[in-house]
Amino acid sequence: MKNFIEELTWRGMIHDVMPGAEEHLNEAMRSAYVGFDPTADSLHIGNLVPIMLLAHFQRCGHKPVALVGGATGMIGDPSGKSAERNLLDEKTLRHNQEAIKKQLSHFLNFDDSLNSTGSDSSENRAVMVNNYDWMKDFSFLEFIRDVGKHISVNYMMAKDSVKNRITSDESASGSEGMSFTEFTYQLVQGYDFLHLYRKNNCTIQMGGSDQWGNITTGTELVRRIGQGKGYAITCPLITKADGSKFGKSEGGNVWLDANYTSPYKFYQYWLNSGDEDSEKYIRIFTFMEEDEINALITEHNEAKHMRVLQKRLASEITAMVHSQADLDNAIKASSILFGKSTSDDLKALDDQTFLDVFDGVPQAEVAMSEIEAGYDIVAALASDTNFLKSNSEVRRALKENSISVNKEKVSGEDFKLTKSDLINEKFILLQRGKKNYFVLKVV
């Protein structure tokens, strides 16, 4: 068995470890859980750190438990949140749970089969649980009798997640403050730990450093009610070197579901990481070994303009979250703008990837009947689209051999656009020089 704490330490993934946790892990195979919010049917890259915690835990020979917070997700965690969440119906909750499990299966082995190390994984296969299953029939009176009496209000008020929320609410004009529902969040999450300790022999809870208060409430319940010992392990909250929030792009969250964030955009997010961030990310978000990472960083520092670190980071994580085929397509699409590409390369792109590659490029619509009749290149470049300012400018550009259609040079003002030029039967890419693009959308 690999030393889990040592593995996380060199990767920069340790923030707090409860005393005795490392010794506890080194004694035998242990079970640990991480909670995930099921309010969407996809996780995003902000969830990747806790996912990687569980993945490394399993690779070190231990048993990971992924908890979907169906009950706690209905309440809302006060840590860093300013508003409560909406109630989910059970059908939506189950749908989201299955979608999340499918995404987690890219990182965790849920099967009684050979794991990635080639050893029998039946004992330490990952399991998924939903706290809604044990909370839905728990009456309020039973909860305050069996759980609530063991944790004092003073203890709960001392938690940073509560104090910070109350302080911010007091300073905000018009704030209604923290509700009792949110205040009880740490009790519900703490009961999860107790339940899993009893039913799954789970002795460790892991999460982000902002969850320390909630996790330690769980260890208290394990001690006071379960007469046992629970441990807490947290990882740092990821920040970017420039101070901007990790996991966000101009379009919002960077999702793990290709329907919300395409593999191309996902790949581009990591490819555009700064040097300092990439050094941190490649340790946290890949399974590469320390020697290999150090060698890659050295190679990168000798020729930073080649961006070998960012390329490897983007490749590793895109293939893991999506697939090798998706990675290959993302790399091919990335070369469209900046490398040598052909009309065939463009026509190999699916609709969404094409639109992602040329996001922000000006567009105009043209009727299919125009294309079928043979669409005049001068009209396409100037009078109908205003891509170029005038017909005379188009003629000069054609004489200079600076006009391309779908990455292929055209010359002569008698050139016609036809159906054979269509990409996915709906797009034509016009270009002047190396960097000026225009998209014709055929309707």
Protein backbone atom coordinates (compact mmCIF):
# COMPACT_ATOMS: atom_id res chain seq x y z
CA MET A 1 0.00 0.00 0.00
CA LYS A 2 1.24 3.45 -0.97
CA ASN A 3 1.40 6.14 1.74
CA PHE A 4 -1.60 8.32 0.96
CA ILE A 5 -0.52 11.33 3.04
CA GLU A 6 2.96 11.32 1.50
CA GLU A 7 1.42 11.15 -1.98
CA LEU A 8 -0.83 14.13 -1.31
CA THR A 9 1.91 16.11 0.39
CA TRP A 10 4.32 16.23 -2.55
CA ARG A 11 1.39 17.05 -4.83
CA GLY A 12 0.47 20.08 -2.70
CA MET A 13 -2.92 18.62 -1.81
CA ILE A 14 -2.76 18.70 1.97
CA HIS A 15 -4.13 21.55 4.06
CA ASP A 16 -5.08 19.94 7.39
CA VAL A 17 -4.74 16.39 8.70
CA MET A 18 -6.23 15.38 12.02
CA PRO A 19 -3.58 13.92 14.34
CA GLY A 20 -3.33 10.14 14.05
CA ALA A 21 -4.84 9.98 10.54
CA GLU A 22 -1.62 8.94 8.80
CA GLU A 23 -0.93 6.16 11.28
CA HIS A 24 -4.55 5.04 10.98
CA LEU A 25 -4.20 4.80 7.18
CA ASN A 26 -0.92 2.90 7.36
CA GLU A 27 -2.36 0.19 9.60
CA ALA A 28 -4.88 -1.30 7.14
CA MET A 29 -7.18 -0.58 4.22
CA ARG A 30 -9.49 2.25 5.28
CA SER A 31 -12.67 3.81 3.93
CA ALA A 32 -13.04 7.56 3.35
CA TYR A 33 -15.78 9.67 1.83
CA VAL A 34 -16.16 12.97 0.01
CA GLY A 35 -19.48 14.72 -0.53
CA PHE A 36 -20.69 16.09 -3.88
CA ASP A 37 -23.51 18.54 -4.50
CA PRO A 38 -26.18 17.01 -6.80
CA THR A 39 -27.94 20.26 -7.74
CA ALA A 40 -26.74 19.84 -11.37
CA ASP A 41 -26.38 16.79 -13.59
CA SER A 42 -22.70 17.53 -14.13
CA LEU A 43 -19.72 18.24 -11.95
CA HIS A 44 -17.32 21.03 -12.90
CA ILE A 45 -13.57 21.43 -12.58
CA GLY A 46 -14.01 22.99 -9.15
CA ASN A 47 -14.96 19.46 -8.07
CA LEU A 48 -11.79 17.94 -9.49
CA VAL A 49 -9.68 18.32 -6.35
CA PRO A 50 -12.01 16.22 -4.14
CA ILE A 51 -12.39 13.77 -7.04
CA MET A 52 -8.61 13.42 -7.21
CA LEU A 53 -8.50 12.93 -3.42
CA LEU A 54 -10.75 9.89 -3.80
CA ALA A 55 -8.86 8.65 -6.87
CA HIS A 56 -5.48 8.78 -5.09
CA PHE A 57 -7.10 7.19 -2.02
CA GLN A 58 -8.17 4.20 -4.11
CA ARG A 59 -4.84 3.98 -5.92
CA CYS A 60 -3.15 3.83 -2.52
CA GLY A 61 -5.16 0.69 -1.74
CA HIS A 62 -8.04 2.21 0.26
CA LYS A 63 -11.79 2.23 -0.32
CA PRO A 64 -13.38 5.48 -1.60
CA VAL A 65 -16.98 6.45 -0.94
CA ALA A 66 -18.60 9.17 -3.05
CA LEU A 67 -21.52 10.70 -1.20
CA VAL A 68 -24.15 12.54 -3.21
CA GLY A 69 -25.71 15.09 -0.89
CA GLY A 70 -29.34 14.69 -1.85
CA ALA A 71 -30.46 15.81 1.60
CA THR A 72 -27.75 18.39 2.30
CA GLY A 73 -28.05 19.67 -1.26
CA MET A 74 -31.62 20.61 -0.45
CA ILE A 75 -30.47 22.71 2.51
CA GLY A 76 -27.44 24.65 1.29
CA ASP A 77 -24.00 24.86 2.83
CA PRO A 78 -23.35 28.24 4.49
CA SER A 79 -19.61 28.01 3.73
CA GLY A 80 -18.96 30.86 1.33
CA LYS A 81 -22.56 30.88 0.14
CA SER A 82 -24.81 33.89 0.40
CA ALA A 83 -28.08 32.30 -0.66
CA GLU A 84 -29.93 29.07 -0.04
CA ARG A 85 -30.41 26.41 -2.68
CA ASN A 86 -33.64 25.30 -4.26
CA LEU A 87 -35.41 22.11 -3.26
CA LEU A 88 -34.86 19.24 -5.71
CA ASP A 89 -37.53 16.70 -6.47
CA GLU A 90 -36.48 13.05 -6.12
CA LYS A 91 -36.65 12.28 -9.85
CA THR A 92 -34.22 15.13 -10.65
CA LEU A 93 -32.01 14.09 -7.75
CA ARG A 94 -31.72 10.50 -9.03
CA HIS A 95 -30.99 11.68 -12.56
CA ASN A 96 -28.23 13.95 -11.30
CA GLN A 97 -26.83 11.17 -9.13
CA GLU A 98 -26.48 8.79 -12.08
CA ALA A 99 -24.88 11.47 -14.23
CA ILE A 100 -22.35 12.25 -11.48
CA LYS A 101 -21.52 8.57 -10.99
CA LYS A 102 -20.83 8.24 -14.71
CA GLN A 103 -18.39 11.15 -14.51
CA LEU A 104 -16.72 9.80 -11.38
CA SER A 105 -16.21 6.44 -13.09
CA HIS A 106 -13.56 8.12 -15.26
CA PHE A 107 -11.49 8.44 -12.07
CA LEU A 108 -12.75 5.73 -9.73
CA ASN A 109 -13.23 2.01 -10.17
CA PHE A 110 -16.76 1.06 -9.11
CA ASP A 111 -16.46 -2.50 -10.50
CA ASP A 112 -15.40 -5.83 -8.99
CA SER A 113 -12.67 -6.09 -11.61
CA LEU A 114 -8.97 -5.47 -11.93
CA ASN A 115 -8.04 -1.91 -11.12
CA SER A 116 -5.51 0.28 -12.90
CA THR A 117 -2.64 -1.25 -10.93
CA GLY A 118 -3.63 -4.76 -12.03
CA SER A 119 -4.62 -5.94 -8.55
CA ASP A 120 -7.95 -7.34 -7.41
CA SER A 121 -10.08 -4.31 -6.58
CA SER A 122 -13.18 -6.05 -5.22
CA GLU A 123 -12.31 -5.06 -1.64
CA ASN A 124 -11.53 -1.43 -2.37
CA ARG A 125 -13.95 -0.77 -5.19
CA ALA A 126 -15.58 2.64 -5.00
CA VAL A 127 -19.18 2.97 -3.86
CA MET A 128 -21.70 5.78 -4.23
CA VAL A 129 -24.24 6.64 -1.56
CA ASN A 130 -26.92 9.32 -1.25
CA ASN A 131 -27.67 10.83 2.15
CA TYR A 132 -31.27 11.39 1.06
CA ASP A 133 -31.74 7.62 1.40
CA TRP A 134 -31.16 7.68 5.17
CA MET A 135 -32.42 11.20 5.90
CA LYS A 136 -35.80 11.09 4.09
CA ASP A 137 -37.50 8.98 6.79
CA PHE A 138 -35.75 10.65 9.73
CA SER A 139 -38.36 12.72 11.57
CA PHE A 140 -37.48 16.13 12.95
CA LEU A 141 -38.25 15.00 16.51
CA GLU A 142 -36.03 11.94 16.13
CA PHE A 143 -33.20 14.03 14.74
CA ILE A 144 -33.18 16.65 17.51
CA ARG A 145 -33.52 13.89 20.12
CA ASP A 146 -30.90 11.47 18.78
CA VAL A 147 -28.43 13.88 17.15
CA GLY A 148 -29.07 17.50 18.05
CA LYS A 149 -28.69 17.09 21.81
CA HIS A 150 -25.08 15.93 21.40
CA ILE A 151 -23.81 19.18 19.81
CA SER A 152 -24.16 22.51 21.61
CA VAL A 153 -25.18 25.76 19.94
CA ASN A 154 -21.97 27.31 21.28
CA TYR A 155 -19.96 24.63 19.44
CA MET A 156 -21.88 25.26 16.21
CA MET A 157 -21.58 29.04 16.47
CA ALA A 158 -17.81 28.79 16.87
CA LYS A 159 -17.41 27.32 13.37
CA ASP A 160 -15.82 29.68 10.85
CA SER A 161 -18.43 28.81 8.20
CA VAL A 162 -21.16 30.09 10.52
CA LYS A 163 -19.25 33.06 11.96
CA ASN A 164 -18.18 34.29 8.52
CA ARG A 165 -21.72 34.06 7.17
CA ILE A 166 -23.26 35.86 10.14
CA THR A 167 -20.60 38.59 10.02
CA SER A 168 -21.13 39.18 6.29
CA ASP A 169 -24.90 39.22 6.76
CA GLU A 170 -24.67 41.80 9.53
CA SER A 171 -22.56 44.09 7.34
CA ALA A 172 -24.82 43.68 4.31
CA SER A 173 -27.78 46.03 4.16
CA GLY A 174 -31.12 44.33 3.72
CA SER A 175 -29.75 40.87 4.55
CA GLU A 176 -32.20 38.44 6.14
CA GLY A 177 -29.40 36.53 7.85
CA MET A 178 -28.73 32.81 8.06
CA SER A 179 -31.81 30.64 8.33
CA PHE A 180 -32.21 27.83 10.84
CA THR A 181 -32.16 25.44 7.88
CA GLU A 182 -28.68 26.52 6.86
CA PHE A 183 -27.52 26.64 10.45
CA THR A 184 -28.35 22.95 10.86
CA TYR A 185 -26.31 21.99 7.79
CA GLN A 186 -23.29 20.95 9.85
CA LEU A 187 -25.45 18.66 11.97
CA VAL A 188 -26.87 16.91 8.91
CA GLN A 189 -23.43 16.57 7.33
CA GLY A 190 -22.05 15.40 10.68
CA TYR A 191 -24.73 12.74 10.86
CA ASP A 192 -23.63 11.49 7.42
CA PHE A 193 -20.23 10.72 8.90
CA LEU A 194 -21.81 8.87 11.82
CA HIS A 195 -24.09 6.89 9.50
CA LEU A 196 -21.23 5.88 7.19
CA TYR A 197 -19.06 5.04 10.19
CA ARG A 198 -21.74 2.65 11.41
CA LYS A 199 -22.88 1.18 8.09
CA ASN A 200 -19.75 1.35 5.91
CA ASN A 201 -16.95 1.30 8.50
CA CYS A 202 -15.98 4.72 7.11
CA THR A 203 -13.48 6.42 9.41
CA ILE A 204 -12.32 9.40 7.33
CA GLN A 205 -14.01 12.37 5.69
CA MET A 206 -12.14 14.48 3.15
CA GLY A 207 -12.92 17.79 1.46
CA GLY A 208 -11.80 21.34 0.85
CA SER A 209 -10.29 23.39 3.66
CA ASP A 210 -13.55 25.37 3.93
CA GLN A 211 -15.25 22.14 5.06
CA TRP A 212 -13.05 21.60 8.13
CA GLY A 213 -15.73 22.82 10.52
CA ASN A 214 -18.44 20.59 9.06
CA ILE A 215 -16.11 17.57 8.98
CA THR A 216 -15.00 17.98 12.59
CA THR A 217 -18.64 18.16 13.66
CA GLY A 218 -18.90 14.70 12.13
CA THR A 219 -15.89 13.43 14.03
CA GLU A 220 -17.52 14.72 17.24
CA LEU A 221 -20.71 12.76 16.50
CA VAL A 222 -18.66 9.63 15.74
CA ARG A 223 -16.94 10.06 19.12
CA ARG A 224 -19.98 11.04 21.21
CA ILE A 225 -22.66 8.79 19.68
CA GLY A 226 -20.69 6.13 17.80
CA GLN A 227 -18.11 5.72 20.58
CA GLY A 228 -15.46 5.60 17.86
CA LYS A 229 -12.72 7.64 16.22
CA GLY A 230 -13.16 9.58 12.99
CA TYR A 231 -10.54 11.57 11.11
CA ALA A 232 -10.55 14.67 8.91
CA ILE A 233 -8.29 15.40 5.93
CA THR A 234 -8.66 18.59 3.90
CA CYS A 235 -6.98 19.99 0.82
CA PRO A 236 -6.25 23.64 -0.03
CA LEU A 237 -8.74 25.66 -2.01
CA ILE A 238 -7.25 26.17 -5.46
CA THR A 239 -6.49 29.73 -6.48
CA LYS A 240 -4.94 31.14 -9.63
CA ALA A 241 -1.68 33.06 -9.59
CA ASP A 242 -3.37 36.22 -10.92
CA GLY A 243 -5.99 36.15 -8.18
CA SER A 244 -8.89 35.19 -10.45
CA LYS A 245 -11.14 32.30 -9.50
CA PHE A 246 -10.09 28.80 -10.53
CA GLY A 247 -12.68 26.85 -12.48
CA LYS A 248 -14.36 29.79 -14.17
CA SER A 249 -14.16 30.96 -17.76
CA GLU A 250 -15.91 33.80 -19.57
CA GLY A 251 -18.89 31.53 -20.00
CA GLY A 252 -19.08 30.55 -16.33
CA ASN A 253 -18.25 27.12 -14.92
CA VAL A 254 -16.01 24.74 -16.85
CA TRP A 255 -18.13 21.58 -16.74
CA LEU A 256 -17.08 17.94 -17.05
CA ASP A 257 -20.09 17.20 -19.28
CA ALA A 258 -19.30 17.72 -22.95
CA ASN A 259 -22.84 19.06 -23.50
CA TYR A 260 -22.07 22.02 -21.24
CA THR A 261 -18.37 22.56 -21.97
CA SER A 262 -17.09 21.02 -25.19
CA PRO A 263 -13.87 18.96 -25.09
CA TYR A 264 -12.26 21.68 -27.23
CA LYS A 265 -13.09 24.45 -24.74
CA PHE A 266 -12.14 22.17 -21.87
CA TYR A 267 -8.75 21.52 -23.48
CA GLN A 268 -8.27 25.23 -24.18
CA TYR A 269 -8.93 26.14 -20.54
CA TRP A 270 -5.95 24.08 -19.38
CA LEU A 271 -3.81 25.00 -22.39
CA ASN A 272 -4.18 28.68 -21.48
CA SER A 273 -2.93 28.20 -17.91
CA GLY A 274 -0.02 30.38 -16.82
CA ASP A 275 3.39 28.86 -16.10
CA GLU A 276 3.06 29.12 -12.32
CA ASP A 277 -0.45 27.67 -12.32
CA SER A 278 0.53 24.83 -14.66
CA GLU A 279 3.29 23.70 -12.31
CA LYS A 280 0.72 23.45 -9.54
CA TYR A 281 -2.07 21.95 -11.64
CA ILE A 282 -0.01 19.14 -13.16
CA ARG A 283 0.73 17.79 -9.69
CA ILE A 284 -2.88 18.02 -8.56
CA PHE A 285 -4.87 17.07 -11.64
CA THR A 286 -2.83 14.22 -13.16
CA PHE A 287 -1.53 10.87 -12.00
CA MET A 288 1.96 11.52 -13.35
CA GLU A 289 4.79 10.53 -11.02
CA GLU A 290 6.99 13.09 -9.26
CA ASP A 291 10.17 12.38 -11.28
CA GLU A 292 8.30 12.70 -14.58
CA ILE A 293 6.68 15.96 -13.51
CA ASN A 294 9.97 17.46 -12.35
CA ALA A 295 11.63 16.52 -15.65
CA LEU A 296 8.76 18.08 -17.59
CA ILE A 297 8.98 21.31 -15.58
CA THR A 298 12.72 21.48 -16.28
CA GLU A 299 12.11 20.97 -19.99
CA HIS A 300 9.40 23.64 -19.94
CA ASN A 301 11.61 26.20 -18.18
CA GLU A 302 14.31 25.77 -20.83
CA ALA A 303 11.90 26.83 -23.60
CA LYS A 304 8.75 28.32 -22.10
CA HIS A 305 7.47 29.53 -25.45
CA MET A 306 6.94 25.88 -26.47
CA ARG A 307 4.42 25.49 -23.60
CA VAL A 308 5.20 21.78 -23.17
CA LEU A 309 3.89 21.89 -19.59
CA GLN A 310 0.51 23.32 -20.57
CA LYS A 311 0.18 20.93 -23.51
CA ARG A 312 0.87 17.89 -21.36
CA LEU A 313 -1.47 19.11 -18.61
CA ALA A 314 -4.28 19.78 -21.07
CA SER A 315 -3.75 16.43 -22.79
CA GLU A 316 -3.68 14.37 -19.60
CA ILE A 317 -6.79 15.84 -18.09
CA THR A 318 -8.85 16.07 -21.31
CA ALA A 319 -8.23 12.39 -22.10
CA MET A 320 -9.15 11.47 -18.52
CA VAL A 321 -12.36 13.49 -18.30
CA HIS A 322 -13.48 12.84 -21.88
CA SER A 323 -11.59 10.36 -24.10
CA GLN A 324 -8.50 9.99 -26.22
CA ALA A 325 -10.61 10.57 -29.33
CA ASP A 326 -11.97 13.82 -27.87
CA LEU A 327 -8.42 14.89 -27.03
CA ASP A 328 -7.22 14.15 -30.57
CA ASN A 329 -10.09 16.22 -31.99
CA ALA A 330 -9.36 19.09 -29.58
CA ILE A 331 -5.69 19.14 -30.58
CA LYS A 332 -6.63 19.05 -34.25
CA ALA A 333 -9.14 21.87 -33.74
CA SER A 334 -6.53 23.93 -31.87
CA SER A 335 -4.25 23.80 -34.87
CA ILE A 336 -6.96 25.25 -37.13
CA LEU A 337 -6.38 28.81 -35.94
CA PHE A 338 -2.67 28.70 -35.24
CA GLY A 339 -1.18 25.97 -37.39
CA LYS A 340 -1.29 24.65 -40.91
CA SER A 341 -4.65 23.09 -41.65
CA THR A 342 -6.68 22.13 -44.69
CA SER A 343 -10.25 22.21 -45.86
CA ASP A 344 -10.51 18.52 -44.91
CA ASP A 345 -9.44 19.36 -41.34
CA LEU A 346 -12.22 21.93 -41.10
CA LYS A 347 -14.82 19.57 -42.50
CA ALA A 348 -13.82 16.95 -39.91
CA LEU A 349 -15.01 19.22 -37.07
CA ASP A 350 -18.46 18.71 -35.60
CA ASP A 351 -20.79 21.71 -35.40
CA GLN A 352 -20.11 22.58 -31.76
CA THR A 353 -16.33 22.36 -32.10
CA PHE A 354 -16.40 24.50 -35.24
CA LEU A 355 -18.42 27.17 -33.42
CA ASP A 356 -16.13 26.94 -30.39
CA VAL A 357 -12.99 27.36 -32.50
CA PHE A 358 -14.43 30.43 -34.20
CA ASP A 359 -16.20 31.82 -31.15
CA GLY A 360 -16.29 35.62 -31.46
CA VAL A 361 -15.57 35.60 -35.19
CA PRO A 362 -18.11 37.79 -37.06
CA GLN A 363 -20.86 35.92 -38.89
CA ALA A 364 -23.49 36.52 -41.52
CA GLU A 365 -26.29 34.39 -42.85
CA VAL A 366 -26.77 33.48 -46.49
CA ALA A 367 -29.61 31.55 -48.10
CA MET A 368 -28.94 28.00 -49.29
CA SER A 369 -30.48 28.94 -52.64
CA GLU A 370 -27.64 31.43 -53.17
CA ILE A 371 -25.05 28.71 -52.58
CA GLU A 372 -26.85 26.25 -54.83
CA ALA A 373 -26.86 28.83 -57.63
CA GLY A 374 -23.14 29.62 -57.13
CA TYR A 375 -22.50 32.49 -54.68
CA ASP A 376 -20.34 35.33 -55.97
CA ILE A 377 -17.12 35.65 -53.92
CA VAL A 378 -17.09 39.47 -54.17
CA ALA A 379 -20.60 39.70 -52.70
CA ALA A 380 -19.68 37.15 -50.03
CA LEU A 381 -16.67 39.19 -48.94
CA ALA A 382 -18.06 42.73 -49.17
CA SER A 383 -21.53 43.92 -50.13
CA ASP A 384 -23.47 41.09 -48.44
CA THR A 385 -21.35 40.71 -45.31
CA ASN A 386 -19.17 43.82 -44.84
CA PHE A 387 -16.24 41.51 -44.06
CA LEU A 388 -14.22 43.78 -46.34
CA LYS A 389 -15.18 47.43 -46.81
CA SER A 390 -15.75 47.52 -50.56
CA ASN A 391 -15.76 45.50 -53.76
CA SER A 392 -12.54 47.24 -54.83
CA GLU A 393 -10.84 46.11 -51.61
CA VAL A 394 -11.98 42.55 -52.35
CA ARG A 395 -10.49 42.72 -55.83
CA ARG A 396 -7.16 43.99 -54.46
CA ALA A 397 -7.10 41.22 -51.85
CA LEU A 398 -7.81 38.59 -54.50
CA LYS A 399 -4.96 39.91 -56.66
CA GLU A 400 -2.66 39.82 -53.60
CA ASN A 401 -3.62 36.16 -53.09
CA SER A 402 -4.63 36.88 -49.48
CA ILE A 403 -8.18 35.42 -49.60
CA SER A 404 -8.91 31.87 -48.48
CA VAL A 405 -12.10 29.83 -48.43
CA ASN A 406 -12.00 27.04 -45.87
CA LYS A 407 -8.22 27.51 -45.51
CA GLU A 408 -7.59 27.16 -49.25
CA LYS A 409 -6.42 30.14 -51.35
CA VAL A 410 -8.72 31.48 -54.04
CA SER A 411 -7.97 33.98 -56.76
CA GLY A 412 -10.08 35.66 -59.41
CA GLU A 413 -13.29 37.56 -58.81
CA ASP A 414 -15.21 35.04 -60.90
CA PHE A 415 -14.86 32.41 -58.12
CA LYS A 416 -18.19 31.01 -56.90
CA LEU A 417 -19.04 29.41 -53.54
CA THR A 418 -20.98 26.16 -53.99
CA LYS A 419 -22.40 23.34 -51.88
CA SER A 420 -19.06 21.53 -52.12
CA ASP A 421 -17.59 24.31 -49.94
CA LEU A 422 -20.00 23.70 -47.06
CA ILE A 423 -18.68 22.52 -43.69
CA ASN A 424 -21.27 20.21 -42.11
CA GLU A 425 -23.69 21.49 -44.76
CA LYS A 426 -24.06 24.84 -43.01
CA PHE A 427 -20.78 26.82 -42.68
CA ILE A 428 -18.18 28.42 -44.94
CA LEU A 429 -15.03 29.96 -43.49
CA LEU A 430 -13.72 33.08 -45.19
CA GLN A 431 -10.28 34.43 -44.39
CA ARG A 432 -8.07 37.36 -45.30
CA GLY A 433 -4.42 36.99 -44.38
CA LYS A 434 -3.49 34.89 -41.36
CA LYS A 435 -5.76 36.27 -38.64
CA ASN A 436 -8.91 37.81 -40.14
CA TYR A 437 -11.79 35.34 -40.24
CA PHE A 438 -15.46 35.49 -41.16
CA VAL A 439 -18.09 32.73 -40.95
CA LEU A 440 -20.91 32.36 -43.43
CA LYS A 441 -23.82 30.45 -41.93
CA VAL A 442 -26.01 28.93 -44.63
CA VAL A 443 -29.73 28.79 -43.80
